[in-house]
Amino acid sequence: MNHWDGKQQPPFNDHLGVTIEEWREGYVKISAEVLPHFQNSQGAPHGGFIMSLADIAASFPGVYCPHPDRRRFASTLSLNTNFLGVAKTPVVYAEGRISNSGRKIFYSQVDIFDGENNPVASCQGVFRYRGGSEVVDGVPIEV
């Protein structure tokens, strides 16, 4: 079992069906199934769905916390997404990496692919740590 398996994710992530495939400090890989209600009128993943996955995958590398009873939080300051192609499979993957960080701000890069590794989107994000989240130990989870 992975240390993140027991951590409750935001309800929006659950709504999107986000699965964390791998998560460590500075890196995350997530996946999600492109259900019919996440598709546009041509049956492709809606741009808002892709951008939501990009936002999640851009923030998670910076809020990784190895302690099961603690968390880290950040707010999105900027998110720039470039669409590169249309997903041809029912599942998409996003890989996010920290590209630079300071004491309060971190920058990340995300690449999104379909199940055949065709590029779907590329994203750059800027995030601000919330109080206590600047260090990997994070803050206690409030029950």
N, C-alpha and C. Protein backbone atom coordinates (compact mmCIF):
# COMPACT_ATOMS: atom_id res chain seq x y z
N MET A 1 0.85 -1.18 0.00
CA MET A 1 0.00 0.00 0.00
C MET A 1 0.89 1.25 0.00
N ASN A 2 0.53 2.23 -0.80
CA ASN A 2 1.27 3.48 -0.87
C ASN A 2 0.81 4.42 0.23
N HIS A 3 1.72 5.27 0.68
CA HIS A 3 1.39 6.18 1.78
C HIS A 3 0.24 7.12 1.44
N TRP A 4 -0.01 7.40 0.16
CA TRP A 4 -1.06 8.34 -0.20
C TRP A 4 -2.43 7.66 -0.35
N ASP A 5 -2.47 6.33 -0.36
CA ASP A 5 -3.74 5.62 -0.57
C ASP A 5 -4.82 6.00 0.43
N GLY A 6 -4.45 6.27 1.67
CA GLY A 6 -5.44 6.57 2.69
C GLY A 6 -5.79 8.05 2.81
N LYS A 7 -5.09 8.91 2.08
CA LYS A 7 -5.35 10.35 2.18
C LYS A 7 -6.55 10.74 1.32
N GLN A 8 -7.48 11.41 1.95
CA GLN A 8 -8.66 11.87 1.24
C GLN A 8 -8.26 12.95 0.24
N GLN A 9 -8.73 12.82 -0.98
CA GLN A 9 -8.45 13.80 -2.03
C GLN A 9 -9.63 14.78 -2.11
N PRO A 10 -9.41 15.93 -2.72
CA PRO A 10 -10.52 16.88 -2.87
C PRO A 10 -11.68 16.24 -3.62
N PRO A 11 -12.91 16.59 -3.27
CA PRO A 11 -14.08 16.00 -3.94
C PRO A 11 -14.06 16.18 -5.46
N PHE A 12 -13.52 17.30 -5.94
CA PHE A 12 -13.46 17.52 -7.39
C PHE A 12 -12.59 16.48 -8.06
N ASN A 13 -11.46 16.12 -7.43
CA ASN A 13 -10.59 15.07 -7.99
C ASN A 13 -11.34 13.75 -8.06
N ASP A 14 -12.10 13.44 -7.02
CA ASP A 14 -12.91 12.22 -7.02
C ASP A 14 -13.95 12.27 -8.13
N HIS A 15 -14.59 13.43 -8.32
CA HIS A 15 -15.59 13.60 -9.38
C HIS A 15 -14.98 13.32 -10.76
N LEU A 16 -13.74 13.75 -10.95
CA LEU A 16 -13.06 13.52 -12.23
C LEU A 16 -12.54 12.09 -12.36
N GLY A 17 -12.55 11.34 -11.27
CA GLY A 17 -12.05 9.97 -11.31
C GLY A 17 -10.54 9.89 -11.36
N VAL A 18 -9.87 10.85 -10.77
CA VAL A 18 -8.40 10.90 -10.78
C VAL A 18 -7.83 9.76 -9.95
N THR A 19 -6.91 9.03 -10.54
CA THR A 19 -6.17 7.98 -9.85
C THR A 19 -4.71 8.41 -9.78
N ILE A 20 -4.14 8.36 -8.58
CA ILE A 20 -2.72 8.66 -8.43
C ILE A 20 -1.95 7.38 -8.73
N GLU A 21 -1.16 7.40 -9.78
CA GLU A 21 -0.37 6.23 -10.18
C GLU A 21 0.97 6.20 -9.44
N GLU A 22 1.57 7.37 -9.29
CA GLU A 22 2.87 7.50 -8.60
C GLU A 22 2.95 8.92 -8.06
N TRP A 23 3.50 9.05 -6.85
CA TRP A 23 3.61 10.38 -6.23
C TRP A 23 4.81 10.38 -5.30
N ARG A 24 5.70 11.31 -5.56
CA ARG A 24 6.86 11.50 -4.69
C ARG A 24 7.21 12.98 -4.74
N GLU A 25 8.13 13.39 -3.89
CA GLU A 25 8.50 14.81 -3.86
C GLU A 25 9.00 15.24 -5.24
N GLY A 26 8.34 16.25 -5.79
CA GLY A 26 8.74 16.80 -7.08
C GLY A 26 8.17 16.11 -8.29
N TYR A 27 7.34 15.06 -8.12
CA TYR A 27 6.82 14.31 -9.27
C TYR A 27 5.47 13.67 -8.94
N VAL A 28 4.59 13.64 -9.94
CA VAL A 28 3.34 12.88 -9.83
C VAL A 28 2.94 12.35 -11.21
N LYS A 29 2.30 11.20 -11.20
CA LYS A 29 1.65 10.66 -12.40
C LYS A 29 0.23 10.31 -12.01
N ILE A 30 -0.74 10.91 -12.72
CA ILE A 30 -2.14 10.63 -12.47
C ILE A 30 -2.79 10.14 -13.75
N SER A 31 -3.95 9.50 -13.60
CA SER A 31 -4.71 9.08 -14.77
C SER A 31 -6.19 9.31 -14.50
N ALA A 32 -6.97 9.34 -15.57
CA ALA A 32 -8.42 9.47 -15.45
C ALA A 32 -9.07 8.93 -16.71
N GLU A 33 -10.23 8.35 -16.53
CA GLU A 33 -11.01 7.86 -17.66
C GLU A 33 -11.85 9.00 -18.22
N VAL A 34 -11.88 9.11 -19.53
CA VAL A 34 -12.66 10.16 -20.19
C VAL A 34 -14.09 9.65 -20.34
N LEU A 35 -14.88 9.85 -19.30
CA LEU A 35 -16.28 9.43 -19.31
C LEU A 35 -17.09 10.32 -20.25
N PRO A 36 -18.27 9.85 -20.69
CA PRO A 36 -19.07 10.64 -21.64
C PRO A 36 -19.34 12.08 -21.20
N HIS A 37 -19.55 12.31 -19.91
CA HIS A 37 -19.85 13.67 -19.46
C HIS A 37 -18.60 14.55 -19.37
N PHE A 38 -17.42 14.01 -19.71
CA PHE A 38 -16.20 14.80 -19.79
C PHE A 38 -15.80 15.04 -21.25
N GLN A 39 -16.68 14.70 -22.18
CA GLN A 39 -16.38 14.83 -23.61
C GLN A 39 -17.05 16.06 -24.20
N ASN A 40 -16.44 16.58 -25.27
CA ASN A 40 -17.06 17.68 -25.99
C ASN A 40 -18.02 17.13 -27.04
N SER A 41 -18.56 17.99 -27.89
CA SER A 41 -19.56 17.57 -28.88
C SER A 41 -18.99 16.63 -29.94
N GLN A 42 -17.67 16.54 -30.07
CA GLN A 42 -17.06 15.61 -31.03
C GLN A 42 -16.64 14.30 -30.38
N GLY A 43 -16.94 14.14 -29.08
CA GLY A 43 -16.59 12.90 -28.39
C GLY A 43 -15.17 12.87 -27.86
N ALA A 44 -14.44 13.96 -27.98
CA ALA A 44 -13.08 14.06 -27.46
C ALA A 44 -13.12 14.64 -26.04
N PRO A 45 -12.06 14.46 -25.26
CA PRO A 45 -12.04 15.07 -23.92
C PRO A 45 -12.22 16.58 -24.01
N HIS A 46 -13.11 17.12 -23.21
CA HIS A 46 -13.34 18.56 -23.17
C HIS A 46 -12.08 19.27 -22.68
N GLY A 47 -11.81 20.44 -23.22
CA GLY A 47 -10.63 21.20 -22.81
C GLY A 47 -10.63 21.51 -21.32
N GLY A 48 -11.79 21.76 -20.74
CA GLY A 48 -11.87 22.03 -19.30
C GLY A 48 -11.47 20.81 -18.48
N PHE A 49 -11.81 19.63 -18.96
CA PHE A 49 -11.41 18.39 -18.30
C PHE A 49 -9.89 18.25 -18.33
N ILE A 50 -9.30 18.48 -19.50
CA ILE A 50 -7.85 18.38 -19.65
C ILE A 50 -7.16 19.42 -18.76
N MET A 51 -7.68 20.65 -18.73
CA MET A 51 -7.07 21.70 -17.91
C MET A 51 -7.19 21.38 -16.42
N SER A 52 -8.28 20.75 -16.03
CA SER A 52 -8.42 20.36 -14.62
C SER A 52 -7.38 19.32 -14.25
N LEU A 53 -7.17 18.34 -15.12
CA LEU A 53 -6.12 17.35 -14.87
C LEU A 53 -4.75 18.02 -14.83
N ALA A 54 -4.53 19.00 -15.70
CA ALA A 54 -3.25 19.72 -15.72
C ALA A 54 -3.04 20.46 -14.40
N ASP A 55 -4.07 21.10 -13.88
CA ASP A 55 -3.96 21.84 -12.62
C ASP A 55 -3.62 20.89 -11.47
N ILE A 56 -4.27 19.74 -11.44
CA ILE A 56 -4.00 18.75 -10.39
C ILE A 56 -2.57 18.25 -10.50
N ALA A 57 -2.18 17.85 -11.72
CA ALA A 57 -0.84 17.28 -11.92
C ALA A 57 0.25 18.33 -11.75
N ALA A 58 -0.07 19.59 -11.91
CA ALA A 58 0.93 20.64 -11.71
C ALA A 58 1.11 20.95 -10.22
N SER A 59 0.05 20.82 -9.45
CA SER A 59 0.14 21.16 -8.03
C SER A 59 0.70 20.02 -7.17
N PHE A 60 0.34 18.79 -7.49
CA PHE A 60 0.71 17.66 -6.63
C PHE A 60 2.22 17.47 -6.42
N PRO A 61 3.09 17.72 -7.42
CA PRO A 61 4.53 17.56 -7.14
C PRO A 61 5.03 18.47 -6.03
N GLY A 62 4.39 19.62 -5.85
CA GLY A 62 4.82 20.56 -4.83
C GLY A 62 4.18 20.35 -3.47
N VAL A 63 3.10 19.55 -3.42
CA VAL A 63 2.41 19.35 -2.13
C VAL A 63 2.55 17.91 -1.63
N TYR A 64 3.50 17.19 -2.18
CA TYR A 64 3.78 15.84 -1.70
C TYR A 64 4.13 15.89 -0.22
N CYS A 65 3.61 14.93 0.55
CA CYS A 65 3.94 14.80 1.98
C CYS A 65 4.02 13.31 2.30
N PRO A 66 5.14 12.83 2.80
CA PRO A 66 5.30 11.39 3.05
C PRO A 66 4.59 10.89 4.31
N HIS A 67 4.09 11.79 5.13
CA HIS A 67 3.48 11.40 6.41
C HIS A 67 1.97 11.18 6.22
N PRO A 68 1.45 10.00 6.58
CA PRO A 68 0.04 9.70 6.33
C PRO A 68 -0.93 10.57 7.13
N ASP A 69 -0.48 11.18 8.22
CA ASP A 69 -1.37 12.00 9.05
C ASP A 69 -1.14 13.50 8.86
N ARG A 70 -0.43 13.86 7.78
CA ARG A 70 -0.15 15.28 7.51
C ARG A 70 -0.41 15.59 6.04
N ARG A 71 -0.55 16.88 5.71
CA ARG A 71 -0.81 17.33 4.33
C ARG A 71 -0.05 18.61 4.05
N ARG A 72 -0.01 18.94 2.77
CA ARG A 72 0.50 20.23 2.32
C ARG A 72 -0.52 20.84 1.37
N PHE A 73 -0.56 22.18 1.33
CA PHE A 73 -1.54 22.89 0.52
C PHE A 73 -0.86 23.99 -0.29
N ALA A 74 -1.42 24.25 -1.48
CA ALA A 74 -0.93 25.33 -2.32
C ALA A 74 -2.11 25.88 -3.13
N SER A 75 -1.97 27.11 -3.56
CA SER A 75 -2.98 27.75 -4.40
C SER A 75 -2.38 28.04 -5.78
N THR A 76 -3.18 27.84 -6.81
CA THR A 76 -2.74 28.11 -8.18
C THR A 76 -2.69 29.62 -8.40
N LEU A 77 -1.55 30.10 -8.85
CA LEU A 77 -1.41 31.51 -9.21
C LEU A 77 -1.55 31.72 -10.71
N SER A 78 -1.03 30.77 -11.47
CA SER A 78 -1.07 30.89 -12.93
C SER A 78 -1.03 29.49 -13.53
N LEU A 79 -1.77 29.31 -14.61
CA LEU A 79 -1.78 28.01 -15.30
C LEU A 79 -1.87 28.29 -16.79
N ASN A 80 -0.86 27.85 -17.54
CA ASN A 80 -0.81 28.05 -18.98
C ASN A 80 -0.83 26.69 -19.65
N THR A 81 -1.85 26.45 -20.46
CA THR A 81 -2.00 25.15 -21.10
C THR A 81 -1.99 25.29 -22.61
N ASN A 82 -1.21 24.44 -23.26
CA ASN A 82 -1.17 24.36 -24.72
C ASN A 82 -1.70 22.99 -25.13
N PHE A 83 -2.71 23.00 -25.97
CA PHE A 83 -3.28 21.75 -26.46
C PHE A 83 -2.49 21.30 -27.69
N LEU A 84 -2.09 20.02 -27.69
CA LEU A 84 -1.21 19.50 -28.72
C LEU A 84 -1.86 18.48 -29.63
N GLY A 85 -2.93 17.84 -29.17
CA GLY A 85 -3.59 16.81 -29.96
C GLY A 85 -4.83 16.34 -29.24
N VAL A 86 -5.55 15.43 -29.87
CA VAL A 86 -6.78 14.88 -29.31
C VAL A 86 -6.51 13.47 -28.80
N ALA A 87 -6.95 13.19 -27.59
CA ALA A 87 -6.79 11.85 -27.02
C ALA A 87 -7.58 10.86 -27.87
N LYS A 88 -6.95 9.73 -28.18
CA LYS A 88 -7.58 8.70 -28.99
C LYS A 88 -7.96 7.46 -28.18
N THR A 89 -7.73 7.53 -26.87
CA THR A 89 -8.04 6.40 -25.99
C THR A 89 -8.95 6.89 -24.86
N PRO A 90 -9.64 5.98 -24.18
CA PRO A 90 -10.57 6.39 -23.12
C PRO A 90 -9.91 6.78 -21.80
N VAL A 91 -8.60 6.61 -21.70
CA VAL A 91 -7.87 6.98 -20.48
C VAL A 91 -6.75 7.95 -20.87
N VAL A 92 -6.57 8.99 -20.06
CA VAL A 92 -5.46 9.93 -20.26
C VAL A 92 -4.58 9.93 -19.02
N TYR A 93 -3.32 10.25 -19.22
CA TYR A 93 -2.32 10.29 -18.15
C TYR A 93 -1.68 11.68 -18.10
N ALA A 94 -1.35 12.13 -16.93
CA ALA A 94 -0.65 13.40 -16.77
C ALA A 94 0.55 13.18 -15.87
N GLU A 95 1.70 13.69 -16.29
CA GLU A 95 2.91 13.64 -15.48
C GLU A 95 3.32 15.06 -15.15
N GLY A 96 3.46 15.34 -13.85
CA GLY A 96 3.85 16.66 -13.41
C GLY A 96 5.18 16.63 -12.68
N ARG A 97 5.99 17.67 -12.90
CA ARG A 97 7.32 17.78 -12.27
C ARG A 97 7.55 19.22 -11.82
N ILE A 98 8.22 19.37 -10.68
CA ILE A 98 8.66 20.69 -10.25
C ILE A 98 9.78 21.13 -11.18
N SER A 99 9.66 22.33 -11.72
CA SER A 99 10.73 22.85 -12.57
C SER A 99 11.60 23.85 -11.82
N ASN A 100 11.05 24.48 -10.78
CA ASN A 100 11.81 25.40 -9.95
C ASN A 100 10.99 25.68 -8.70
N SER A 101 11.65 26.04 -7.62
CA SER A 101 10.91 26.37 -6.40
C SER A 101 11.71 27.30 -5.52
N GLY A 102 10.97 28.05 -4.74
CA GLY A 102 11.55 28.93 -3.75
C GLY A 102 10.91 28.62 -2.40
N ARG A 103 10.99 29.57 -1.50
CA ARG A 103 10.45 29.34 -0.16
C ARG A 103 8.92 29.33 -0.15
N LYS A 104 8.29 30.17 -0.94
CA LYS A 104 6.82 30.29 -0.94
C LYS A 104 6.16 29.93 -2.27
N ILE A 105 6.94 29.92 -3.34
CA ILE A 105 6.40 29.72 -4.69
C ILE A 105 7.10 28.52 -5.34
N PHE A 106 6.31 27.73 -6.11
CA PHE A 106 6.95 26.70 -6.93
C PHE A 106 6.36 26.71 -8.33
N TYR A 107 7.15 26.24 -9.26
CA TYR A 107 6.79 26.20 -10.68
C TYR A 107 6.81 24.74 -11.12
N SER A 108 5.86 24.39 -11.98
CA SER A 108 5.83 23.00 -12.43
C SER A 108 5.50 22.91 -13.91
N GLN A 109 5.82 21.76 -14.45
CA GLN A 109 5.61 21.43 -15.86
C GLN A 109 4.79 20.14 -15.91
N VAL A 110 3.78 20.11 -16.77
CA VAL A 110 2.93 18.93 -16.92
C VAL A 110 2.85 18.53 -18.39
N ASP A 111 2.91 17.24 -18.64
CA ASP A 111 2.66 16.69 -19.97
C ASP A 111 1.52 15.70 -19.85
N ILE A 112 0.54 15.82 -20.75
CA ILE A 112 -0.63 14.94 -20.74
C ILE A 112 -0.62 14.12 -22.03
N PHE A 113 -0.87 12.81 -21.87
CA PHE A 113 -0.86 11.87 -22.98
C PHE A 113 -2.10 10.99 -22.96
N ASP A 114 -2.45 10.44 -24.12
CA ASP A 114 -3.49 9.41 -24.11
C ASP A 114 -2.83 8.06 -23.82
N GLY A 115 -3.61 6.99 -23.82
CA GLY A 115 -3.11 5.67 -23.49
C GLY A 115 -2.10 5.10 -24.47
N GLU A 116 -1.98 5.73 -25.65
CA GLU A 116 -0.99 5.30 -26.65
C GLU A 116 0.21 6.23 -26.68
N ASN A 117 0.36 7.05 -25.63
CA ASN A 117 1.46 8.01 -25.48
C ASN A 117 1.46 9.12 -26.51
N ASN A 118 0.29 9.40 -27.12
CA ASN A 118 0.17 10.55 -28.01
C ASN A 118 0.03 11.80 -27.15
N PRO A 119 0.78 12.87 -27.44
CA PRO A 119 0.67 14.09 -26.64
C PRO A 119 -0.70 14.74 -26.81
N VAL A 120 -1.27 15.14 -25.69
CA VAL A 120 -2.57 15.81 -25.67
C VAL A 120 -2.41 17.28 -25.27
N ALA A 121 -1.60 17.55 -24.25
CA ALA A 121 -1.41 18.93 -23.79
C ALA A 121 -0.11 19.05 -23.02
N SER A 122 0.35 20.29 -22.94
CA SER A 122 1.51 20.65 -22.13
C SER A 122 1.11 21.85 -21.29
N CYS A 123 1.56 21.89 -20.04
CA CYS A 123 1.10 22.93 -19.13
C CYS A 123 2.25 23.40 -18.25
N GLN A 124 2.22 24.69 -17.92
CA GLN A 124 3.15 25.25 -16.94
C GLN A 124 2.30 25.93 -15.87
N GLY A 125 2.65 25.68 -14.60
CA GLY A 125 1.90 26.26 -13.50
C GLY A 125 2.79 26.95 -12.50
N VAL A 126 2.21 27.94 -11.83
CA VAL A 126 2.87 28.66 -10.74
C VAL A 126 1.96 28.55 -9.53
N PHE A 127 2.52 28.16 -8.38
CA PHE A 127 1.74 27.91 -7.17
C PHE A 127 2.37 28.57 -5.96
N ARG A 128 1.53 28.94 -5.02
CA ARG A 128 1.99 29.53 -3.76
C ARG A 128 1.63 28.58 -2.62
N TYR A 129 2.64 28.23 -1.82
CA TYR A 129 2.39 27.39 -0.66
C TYR A 129 1.50 28.13 0.33
N ARG A 130 0.59 27.41 0.94
CA ARG A 130 -0.19 27.96 2.04
C ARG A 130 0.56 27.71 3.33
N GLY A 131 0.24 28.48 4.37
CA GLY A 131 0.96 28.45 5.64
C GLY A 131 1.24 27.05 6.16
N GLY A 132 2.49 26.77 6.50
CA GLY A 132 2.91 25.49 7.04
C GLY A 132 3.23 24.45 5.99
N SER A 133 2.93 24.74 4.73
CA SER A 133 3.11 23.76 3.66
C SER A 133 4.42 23.93 2.90
N GLU A 134 5.24 24.87 3.35
CA GLU A 134 6.50 25.14 2.66
C GLU A 134 7.51 24.01 2.80
N VAL A 135 7.36 23.18 3.81
CA VAL A 135 8.28 22.07 4.04
C VAL A 135 7.57 20.74 3.83
N VAL A 136 8.33 19.72 3.49
CA VAL A 136 7.75 18.42 3.13
C VAL A 136 6.97 17.78 4.29
N ASP A 137 7.25 18.18 5.53
CA ASP A 137 6.52 17.62 6.68
C ASP A 137 5.07 18.10 6.74
N GLY A 138 4.75 19.21 6.10
CA GLY A 138 3.37 19.68 6.02
C GLY A 138 2.75 20.03 7.36
N VAL A 139 1.42 19.93 7.41
CA VAL A 139 0.64 20.27 8.60
C VAL A 139 -0.26 19.08 8.96
N PRO A 140 -0.63 18.95 10.23
CA PRO A 140 -1.51 17.84 10.62
C PRO A 140 -2.85 17.90 9.91
N ILE A 141 -3.38 16.73 9.57
CA ILE A 141 -4.72 16.65 8.97
C ILE A 141 -5.73 16.87 10.09
N GLU A 142 -6.63 17.82 9.87
CA GLU A 142 -7.67 18.08 10.86
C GLU A 142 -8.81 17.10 10.65
N VAL A 143 -9.25 16.50 11.73
CA VAL A 143 -10.32 15.49 11.64
C VAL A 143 -11.66 16.14 11.86
